[in-house]
Amino acid sequence: ALRVRARAAGQAVTIVIRRGEDIVFLHAMPGTTPAN
């Protein structure tokens, strides 16, 4: 849902969802960098 919203708005973001310290979702959109 976050990826679709960002893409529709022409935004480039990195999205990270964690449960505890475990990464359960990670997406870096084109236009982001490892710094994000």
ModelCIF file with pLDDT and N, C-alpha, C, O atoms, coordinates in Angstrom:
data_MODEL
#
_entry.id   MODEL 
#
_entity.id                         1 
_entity.type                       polymer 
_entity.pdbx_number_of_molecules   1 
#
_entity_poly.entity_id                      1 
_entity_poly.type                           'polypeptide(L)' 
_entity_poly.nstd_linkage                   no 
_entity_poly.nstd_monomer                   no 
_entity_poly.pdbx_seq_one_letter_code       ALRVRARAAGQAVTIVIRRGEDIVFLHAMPGTTPAN 
_entity_poly.pdbx_seq_one_letter_code_can   ALRVRARAAGQAVTIVIRRGEDIVFLHAMPGTTPAN 
_entity_poly.pdbx_strand_id                 A 
#
loop_
_entity_poly_seq.entity_id 
_entity_poly_seq.num 
_entity_poly_seq.mon_id 
_entity_poly_seq.hetero 
1 1  ALA n 
1 2  LEU n 
1 3  ARG n 
1 4  VAL n 
1 5  ARG n 
1 6  ALA n 
1 7  ARG n 
1 8  ALA n 
1 9  ALA n 
1 10 GLY n 
1 11 GLN n 
1 12 ALA n 
1 13 VAL n 
1 14 THR n 
1 15 ILE n 
1 16 VAL n 
1 17 ILE n 
1 18 ARG n 
1 19 ARG n 
1 20 GLY n 
1 21 GLU n 
1 22 ASP n 
1 23 ILE n 
1 24 VAL n 
1 25 PHE n 
1 26 LEU n 
1 27 HIS n 
1 28 ALA n 
1 29 MET n 
1 30 PRO n 
1 31 GLY n 
1 32 THR n 
1 33 THR n 
1 34 PRO n 
1 35 ALA n 
1 36 ASN n 
#
_struct_asym.id          A 
_struct_asym.entity_id   1 
#
loop_
_ma_qa_metric.id 
_ma_qa_metric.mode 
_ma_qa_metric.name 
_ma_qa_metric.software_group_id 
_ma_qa_metric.type 
1 global pLDDT . pLDDT 
2 local  pLDDT . pLDDT 
#
_ma_qa_metric_global.metric_id      1 
_ma_qa_metric_global.metric_value   97.67 
_ma_qa_metric_global.model_id       1 
_ma_qa_metric_global.ordinal_id     1 
#
loop_
_ma_qa_metric_local.label_asym_id 
_ma_qa_metric_local.label_comp_id 
_ma_qa_metric_local.label_seq_id 
_ma_qa_metric_local.metric_id 
_ma_qa_metric_local.metric_value 
_ma_qa_metric_local.model_id 
_ma_qa_metric_local.ordinal_id 
A ALA 1  2 98.00 1 1  
A LEU 2  2 98.00 1 2  
A ARG 3  2 98.00 1 3  
A VAL 4  2 98.00 1 4  
A ARG 5  2 98.00 1 5  
A ALA 6  2 98.00 1 6  
A ARG 7  2 98.00 1 7  
A ALA 8  2 98.00 1 8  
A ALA 9  2 97.00 1 9  
A GLY 10 2 98.00 1 10 
A GLN 11 2 98.00 1 11 
A ALA 12 2 98.00 1 12 
A VAL 13 2 98.00 1 13 
A THR 14 2 98.00 1 14 
A ILE 15 2 98.00 1 15 
A VAL 16 2 98.00 1 16 
A ILE 17 2 98.00 1 17 
A ARG 18 2 98.00 1 18 
A ARG 19 2 97.00 1 19 
A GLY 20 2 95.00 1 20 
A GLU 21 2 94.00 1 21 
A ASP 22 2 97.00 1 22 
A ILE 23 2 98.00 1 23 
A VAL 24 2 98.00 1 24 
A PHE 25 2 98.00 1 25 
A LEU 26 2 98.00 1 26 
A HIS 27 2 98.00 1 27 
A ALA 28 2 98.00 1 28 
A MET 29 2 98.00 1 29 
A PRO 30 2 97.00 1 30 
A GLY 31 2 97.00 1 31 
A THR 32 2 98.00 1 32 
A THR 33 2 98.00 1 33 
A PRO 34 2 98.00 1 34 
A ALA 35 2 98.00 1 35 
A ASN 36 2 98.00 1 36 
#
loop_
_atom_site.group_PDB 
_atom_site.id 
_atom_site.type_symbol 
_atom_site.label_atom_id 
_atom_site.label_alt_id 
_atom_site.label_comp_id 
_atom_site.label_asym_id 
_atom_site.label_entity_id 
_atom_site.label_seq_id 
_atom_site.pdbx_PDB_ins_code 
_atom_site.Cartn_x 
_atom_site.Cartn_y 
_atom_site.Cartn_z 
_atom_site.occupancy 
_atom_site.B_iso_or_equiv 
_atom_site.pdbx_formal_charge 
_atom_site.auth_seq_id 
_atom_site.auth_comp_id 
_atom_site.auth_asym_id 
_atom_site.auth_atom_id 
_atom_site.pdbx_PDB_model_num 
ATOM 1   N N  . ALA A 1 1  ? 0.841  -1.208 0.000  1.00 98.00 ? 1  ALA A N  1 
ATOM 2   C CA . ALA A 1 1  ? 0.000  0.000  0.000  1.00 98.00 ? 1  ALA A CA 1 
ATOM 3   C C  . ALA A 1 1  ? 0.873  1.254  0.000  1.00 98.00 ? 1  ALA A C  1 
ATOM 4   O O  . ALA A 1 1  ? 0.561  2.224  -0.691 1.00 98.00 ? 1  ALA A O  1 
ATOM 5   N N  . LEU A 1 2  ? 1.947  1.242  0.756  1.00 98.00 ? 2  LEU A N  1 
ATOM 6   C CA . LEU A 1 2  ? 2.860  2.393  0.799  1.00 98.00 ? 2  LEU A CA 1 
ATOM 7   C C  . LEU A 1 2  ? 3.569  2.564  -0.543 1.00 98.00 ? 2  LEU A C  1 
ATOM 8   O O  . LEU A 1 2  ? 3.727  3.684  -1.028 1.00 98.00 ? 2  LEU A O  1 
ATOM 9   N N  . ARG A 1 3  ? 3.997  1.444  -1.141 1.00 98.00 ? 3  ARG A N  1 
ATOM 10  C CA . ARG A 1 3  ? 4.683  1.504  -2.434 1.00 98.00 ? 3  ARG A CA 1 
ATOM 11  C C  . ARG A 1 3  ? 3.754  2.070  -3.511 1.00 98.00 ? 3  ARG A C  1 
ATOM 12  O O  . ARG A 1 3  ? 4.169  2.910  -4.310 1.00 98.00 ? 3  ARG A O  1 
ATOM 13  N N  . VAL A 1 4  ? 2.514  1.617  -3.532 1.00 98.00 ? 4  VAL A N  1 
ATOM 14  C CA . VAL A 1 4  ? 1.543  2.080  -4.532 1.00 98.00 ? 4  VAL A CA 1 
ATOM 15  C C  . VAL A 1 4  ? 1.281  3.576  -4.357 1.00 98.00 ? 4  VAL A C  1 
ATOM 16  O O  . VAL A 1 4  ? 1.235  4.316  -5.340 1.00 98.00 ? 4  VAL A O  1 
ATOM 17  N N  . ARG A 1 5  ? 1.110  4.024  -3.114 1.00 98.00 ? 5  ARG A N  1 
ATOM 18  C CA . ARG A 1 5  ? 0.874  5.454  -2.853 1.00 98.00 ? 5  ARG A CA 1 
ATOM 19  C C  . ARG A 1 5  ? 2.061  6.303  -3.306 1.00 98.00 ? 5  ARG A C  1 
ATOM 20  O O  . ARG A 1 5  ? 1.887  7.323  -3.973 1.00 98.00 ? 5  ARG A O  1 
ATOM 21  N N  . ALA A 1 6  ? 3.260  5.873  -2.939 1.00 98.00 ? 6  ALA A N  1 
ATOM 22  C CA . ALA A 1 6  ? 4.448  6.639  -3.308 1.00 98.00 ? 6  ALA A CA 1 
ATOM 23  C C  . ALA A 1 6  ? 4.604  6.692  -4.826 1.00 98.00 ? 6  ALA A C  1 
ATOM 24  O O  . ALA A 1 6  ? 4.887  7.745  -5.397 1.00 98.00 ? 6  ALA A O  1 
ATOM 25  N N  . ARG A 1 7  ? 4.417  5.560  -5.457 1.00 98.00 ? 7  ARG A N  1 
ATOM 26  C CA . ARG A 1 7  ? 4.567  5.502  -6.917 1.00 98.00 ? 7  ARG A CA 1 
ATOM 27  C C  . ARG A 1 7  ? 3.545  6.394  -7.612 1.00 98.00 ? 7  ARG A C  1 
ATOM 28  O O  . ARG A 1 7  ? 3.878  7.104  -8.560 1.00 98.00 ? 7  ARG A O  1 
ATOM 29  N N  . ALA A 1 8  ? 2.290  6.357  -7.136 1.00 98.00 ? 8  ALA A N  1 
ATOM 30  C CA . ALA A 1 8  ? 1.232  7.186  -7.730 1.00 98.00 ? 8  ALA A CA 1 
ATOM 31  C C  . ALA A 1 8  ? 1.534  8.668  -7.592 1.00 98.00 ? 8  ALA A C  1 
ATOM 32  O O  . ALA A 1 8  ? 1.133  9.473  -8.433 1.00 98.00 ? 8  ALA A O  1 
ATOM 33  N N  . ALA A 1 9  ? 2.252  9.031  -6.512 1.00 97.00 ? 9  ALA A N  1 
ATOM 34  C CA . ALA A 1 9  ? 2.610  10.434 -6.281 1.00 97.00 ? 9  ALA A CA 1 
ATOM 35  C C  . ALA A 1 9  ? 3.947  10.802 -6.922 1.00 97.00 ? 9  ALA A C  1 
ATOM 36  O O  . ALA A 1 9  ? 4.410  11.935 -6.783 1.00 97.00 ? 9  ALA A O  1 
ATOM 37  N N  . GLY A 1 10 ? 4.569  9.855  -7.622 1.00 98.00 ? 10 GLY A N  1 
ATOM 38  C CA . GLY A 1 10 ? 5.855  10.119 -8.258 1.00 98.00 ? 10 GLY A CA 1 
ATOM 39  C C  . GLY A 1 10 ? 6.995  10.267 -7.257 1.00 98.00 ? 10 GLY A C  1 
ATOM 40  O O  . GLY A 1 10 ? 7.971  10.971 -7.515 1.00 98.00 ? 10 GLY A O  1 
ATOM 41  N N  . GLN A 1 11 ? 6.864  9.602  -6.119 1.00 98.00 ? 11 GLN A N  1 
ATOM 42  C CA . GLN A 1 11 ? 7.873  9.695  -5.055 1.00 98.00 ? 11 GLN A CA 1 
ATOM 43  C C  . GLN A 1 11 ? 8.739  8.443  -5.053 1.00 98.00 ? 11 GLN A C  1 
ATOM 44  O O  . GLN A 1 11 ? 8.271  7.346  -5.359 1.00 98.00 ? 11 GLN A O  1 
ATOM 45  N N  . ALA A 1 12 ? 9.995  8.625  -4.707 1.00 98.00 ? 12 ALA A N  1 
ATOM 46  C CA . ALA A 1 12 ? 10.921 7.505  -4.567 1.00 98.00 ? 12 ALA A CA 1 
ATOM 47  C C  . ALA A 1 12 ? 11.262 7.351  -3.091 1.00 98.00 ? 12 ALA A C  1 
ATOM 48  O O  . ALA A 1 12 ? 11.861 8.242  -2.489 1.00 98.00 ? 12 ALA A O  1 
ATOM 49  N N  . VAL A 1 13 ? 10.879 6.215  -2.511 1.00 98.00 ? 13 VAL A N  1 
ATOM 50  C CA . VAL A 1 13 ? 11.136 5.977  -1.091 1.00 98.00 ? 13 VAL A CA 1 
ATOM 51  C C  . VAL A 1 13 ? 11.645 4.562  -0.869 1.00 98.00 ? 13 VAL A C  1 
ATOM 52  O O  . VAL A 1 13 ? 11.449 3.670  -1.695 1.00 98.00 ? 13 VAL A O  1 
ATOM 53  N N  . THR A 1 14 ? 12.291 4.388  0.249  1.00 98.00 ? 14 THR A N  1 
ATOM 54  C CA . THR A 1 14 ? 12.632 3.069  0.758  1.00 98.00 ? 14 THR A CA 1 
ATOM 55  C C  . THR A 1 14 ? 11.645 2.775  1.877  1.00 98.00 ? 14 THR A C  1 
ATOM 56  O O  . THR A 1 14 ? 11.400 3.623  2.734  1.00 98.00 ? 14 THR A O  1 
ATOM 57  N N  . ILE A 1 15 ? 11.082 1.575  1.869  1.00 98.00 ? 15 ILE A N  1 
ATOM 58  C CA . ILE A 1 15 ? 10.097 1.156  2.862  1.00 98.00 ? 15 ILE A CA 1 
ATOM 59  C C  . ILE A 1 15 ? 10.657 -0.052 3.601  1.00 98.00 ? 15 ILE A C  1 
ATOM 60  O O  . ILE A 1 15 ? 11.058 -1.038 2.983  1.00 98.00 ? 15 ILE A O  1 
ATOM 61  N N  . VAL A 1 16 ? 10.680 0.033  4.927  1.00 98.00 ? 16 VAL A N  1 
ATOM 62  C CA . VAL A 1 16 ? 11.162 -1.076 5.755  1.00 98.00 ? 16 VAL A CA 1 
ATOM 63  C C  . VAL A 1 16 ? 10.140 -1.326 6.854  1.00 98.00 ? 16 VAL A C  1 
ATOM 64  O O  . VAL A 1 16 ? 9.779  -0.420 7.605  1.00 98.00 ? 16 VAL A O  1 
ATOM 65  N N  . ILE A 1 17 ? 9.680  -2.571 6.933  1.00 98.00 ? 17 ILE A N  1 
ATOM 66  C CA . ILE A 1 17 ? 8.768  -2.970 8.007  1.00 98.00 ? 17 ILE A CA 1 
ATOM 67  C C  . ILE A 1 17 ? 9.462  -4.061 8.811  1.00 98.00 ? 17 ILE A C  1 
ATOM 68  O O  . ILE A 1 17 ? 9.944  -5.056 8.270  1.00 98.00 ? 17 ILE A O  1 
ATOM 69  N N  . ARG A 1 18 ? 9.494  -3.837 10.122 1.00 98.00 ? 18 ARG A N  1 
ATOM 70  C CA . ARG A 1 18 ? 10.148 -4.789 11.022 1.00 98.00 ? 18 ARG A CA 1 
ATOM 71  C C  . ARG A 1 18 ? 9.160  -5.304 12.061 1.00 98.00 ? 18 ARG A C  1 
ATOM 72  O O  . ARG A 1 18 ? 8.313  -4.565 12.562 1.00 98.00 ? 18 ARG A O  1 
ATOM 73  N N  . ARG A 1 19 ? 9.289  -6.566 12.364 1.00 97.00 ? 19 ARG A N  1 
ATOM 74  C CA . ARG A 1 19 ? 8.639  -7.138 13.543 1.00 97.00 ? 19 ARG A CA 1 
ATOM 75  C C  . ARG A 1 19 ? 9.781  -7.485 14.479 1.00 97.00 ? 19 ARG A C  1 
ATOM 76  O O  . ARG A 1 19 ? 10.584 -8.377 14.202 1.00 97.00 ? 19 ARG A O  1 
ATOM 77  N N  . GLY A 1 20 ? 9.842  -6.762 15.602 1.00 95.00 ? 20 GLY A N  1 
ATOM 78  C CA . GLY A 1 20 ? 11.043 -6.844 16.425 1.00 95.00 ? 20 GLY A CA 1 
ATOM 79  C C  . GLY A 1 20 ? 12.202 -6.307 15.610 1.00 95.00 ? 20 GLY A C  1 
ATOM 80  O O  . GLY A 1 20 ? 12.117 -5.215 15.047 1.00 95.00 ? 20 GLY A O  1 
ATOM 81  N N  . GLU A 1 21 ? 13.258 -7.051 15.546 1.00 94.00 ? 21 GLU A N  1 
ATOM 82  C CA . GLU A 1 21 ? 14.395 -6.649 14.711 1.00 94.00 ? 21 GLU A CA 1 
ATOM 83  C C  . GLU A 1 21 ? 14.394 -7.333 13.349 1.00 94.00 ? 21 GLU A C  1 
ATOM 84  O O  . GLU A 1 21 ? 15.250 -7.051 12.510 1.00 94.00 ? 21 GLU A O  1 
ATOM 85  N N  . ASP A 1 22 ? 13.437 -8.232 13.126 1.00 97.00 ? 22 ASP A N  1 
ATOM 86  C CA . ASP A 1 22 ? 13.357 -8.944 11.855 1.00 97.00 ? 22 ASP A CA 1 
ATOM 87  C C  . ASP A 1 22 ? 12.718 -8.059 10.785 1.00 97.00 ? 22 ASP A C  1 
ATOM 88  O O  . ASP A 1 22 ? 11.657 -7.475 11.005 1.00 97.00 ? 22 ASP A O  1 
ATOM 89  N N  . ILE A 1 23 ? 13.365 -7.967 9.637  1.00 98.00 ? 23 ILE A N  1 
ATOM 90  C CA . ILE A 1 23 ? 12.802 -7.237 8.504  1.00 98.00 ? 23 ILE A CA 1 
ATOM 91  C C  . ILE A 1 23 ? 11.811 -8.169 7.811  1.00 98.00 ? 23 ILE A C  1 
ATOM 92  O O  . ILE A 1 23 ? 12.182 -9.237 7.324  1.00 98.00 ? 23 ILE A O  1 
ATOM 93  N N  . VAL A 1 24 ? 10.538 -7.750 7.774  1.00 98.00 ? 24 VAL A N  1 
ATOM 94  C CA . VAL A 1 24 ? 9.501  -8.575 7.149  1.00 98.00 ? 24 VAL A CA 1 
ATOM 95  C C  . VAL A 1 24 ? 9.022  -7.978 5.824  1.00 98.00 ? 24 VAL A C  1 
ATOM 96  O O  . VAL A 1 24 ? 8.272  -8.618 5.088  1.00 98.00 ? 24 VAL A O  1 
ATOM 97  N N  . PHE A 1 25 ? 9.456  -6.749 5.523  1.00 98.00 ? 25 PHE A N  1 
ATOM 98  C CA . PHE A 1 25 ? 9.195  -6.135 4.218  1.00 98.00 ? 25 PHE A CA 1 
ATOM 99  C C  . PHE A 1 25 ? 10.280 -5.102 3.971  1.00 98.00 ? 25 PHE A C  1 
ATOM 100 O O  . PHE A 1 25 ? 10.600 -4.294 4.843  1.00 98.00 ? 25 PHE A O  1 
ATOM 101 N N  . LEU A 1 26 ? 10.842 -5.141 2.763  1.00 98.00 ? 26 LEU A N  1 
ATOM 102 C CA . LEU A 1 26 ? 11.849 -4.155 2.362  1.00 98.00 ? 26 LEU A CA 1 
ATOM 103 C C  . LEU A 1 26 ? 11.697 -3.892 0.879  1.00 98.00 ? 26 LEU A C  1 
ATOM 104 O O  . LEU A 1 26 ? 11.703 -4.811 0.060  1.00 98.00 ? 26 LEU A O  1 
ATOM 105 N N  . HIS A 1 27 ? 11.560 -2.610 0.550  1.00 98.00 ? 27 HIS A N  1 
ATOM 106 C CA . HIS A 1 27 ? 11.496 -2.237 -0.861 1.00 98.00 ? 27 HIS A CA 1 
ATOM 107 C C  . HIS A 1 27 ? 12.184 -0.888 -1.043 1.00 98.00 ? 27 HIS A C  1 
ATOM 108 O O  . HIS A 1 27 ? 11.837 0.093  -0.384 1.00 98.00 ? 27 HIS A O  1 
ATOM 109 N N  . ALA A 1 28 ? 13.156 -0.852 -1.939 1.00 98.00 ? 28 ALA A N  1 
ATOM 110 C CA . ALA A 1 28 ? 13.834 0.391  -2.297 1.00 98.00 ? 28 ALA A CA 1 
ATOM 111 C C  . ALA A 1 28 ? 13.431 0.726  -3.728 1.00 98.00 ? 28 ALA A C  1 
ATOM 112 O O  . ALA A 1 28 ? 13.789 0.020  -4.671 1.00 98.00 ? 28 ALA A O  1 
ATOM 113 N N  . MET A 1 29 ? 12.685 1.806  -3.871 1.00 98.00 ? 29 MET A N  1 
ATOM 114 C CA . MET A 1 29 ? 12.187 2.201  -5.184 1.00 98.00 ? 29 MET A CA 1 
ATOM 115 C C  . MET A 1 29 ? 13.314 2.790  -6.029 1.00 98.00 ? 29 MET A C  1 
ATOM 116 O O  . MET A 1 29 ? 14.285 3.313  -5.482 1.00 98.00 ? 29 MET A O  1 
ATOM 117 N N  . PRO A 1 30 ? 13.198 2.710  -7.346 1.00 97.00 ? 30 PRO A N  1 
ATOM 118 C CA . PRO A 1 30 ? 14.175 3.381  -8.194 1.00 97.00 ? 30 PRO A CA 1 
ATOM 119 C C  . PRO A 1 30 ? 14.249 4.862  -7.817 1.00 97.00 ? 30 PRO A C  1 
ATOM 120 O O  . PRO A 1 30 ? 13.228 5.525  -7.632 1.00 97.00 ? 30 PRO A O  1 
ATOM 121 N N  . GLY A 1 31 ? 15.481 5.361  -7.707 1.00 97.00 ? 31 GLY A N  1 
ATOM 122 C CA . GLY A 1 31 ? 15.686 6.746  -7.309 1.00 97.00 ? 31 GLY A CA 1 
ATOM 123 C C  . GLY A 1 31 ? 16.144 6.886  -5.867 1.00 97.00 ? 31 GLY A C  1 
ATOM 124 O O  . GLY A 1 31 ? 16.553 7.967  -5.444 1.00 97.00 ? 31 GLY A O  1 
ATOM 125 N N  . THR A 1 32 ? 16.076 5.790  -5.108 1.00 98.00 ? 32 THR A N  1 
ATOM 126 C CA . THR A 1 32 ? 16.609 5.822  -3.743 1.00 98.00 ? 32 THR A CA 1 
ATOM 127 C C  . THR A 1 32 ? 18.049 5.331  -3.761 1.00 98.00 ? 32 THR A C  1 
ATOM 128 O O  . THR A 1 32 ? 18.533 4.826  -4.774 1.00 98.00 ? 32 THR A O  1 
ATOM 129 N N  . THR A 1 33 ? 18.720 5.482  -2.637 1.00 98.00 ? 33 THR A N  1 
ATOM 130 C CA . THR A 1 33 ? 20.106 5.040  -2.508 1.00 98.00 ? 33 THR A CA 1 
ATOM 131 C C  . THR A 1 33 ? 20.248 4.236  -1.215 1.00 98.00 ? 33 THR A C  1 
ATOM 132 O O  . THR A 1 33 ? 19.320 4.209  -0.407 1.00 98.00 ? 33 THR A O  1 
ATOM 133 N N  . PRO A 1 34 ? 21.384 3.586  -1.007 1.00 98.00 ? 34 PRO A N  1 
ATOM 134 C CA . PRO A 1 34 ? 21.601 2.889  0.260  1.00 98.00 ? 34 PRO A CA 1 
ATOM 135 C C  . PRO A 1 34 ? 21.498 3.822  1.477  1.00 98.00 ? 34 PRO A C  1 
ATOM 136 O O  . PRO A 1 34 ? 21.228 3.366  2.588  1.00 98.00 ? 34 PRO A O  1 
ATOM 137 N N  . ALA A 1 35 ? 21.711 5.111  1.266  1.00 98.00 ? 35 ALA A N  1 
ATOM 138 C CA . ALA A 1 35 ? 21.572 6.059  2.383  1.00 98.00 ? 35 ALA A CA 1 
ATOM 139 C C  . ALA A 1 35 ? 20.145 6.058  2.926  1.00 98.00 ? 35 ALA A C  1 
ATOM 140 O O  . ALA A 1 35 ? 19.948 6.241  4.127  1.00 98.00 ? 35 ALA A O  1 
ATOM 141 N N  . ASN A 1 36 ? 19.143 5.856  2.061  1.00 98.00 ? 36 ASN A N  1 
ATOM 142 C CA . ASN A 1 36 ? 17.759 5.808  2.533  1.00 98.00 ? 36 ASN A CA 1 
ATOM 143 C C  . ASN A 1 36 ? 17.537 4.620  3.474  1.00 98.00 ? 36 ASN A C  1 
ATOM 144 O O  . ASN A 1 36 ? 16.427 4.424  3.968  1.00 98.00 ? 36 ASN A O  1 
#
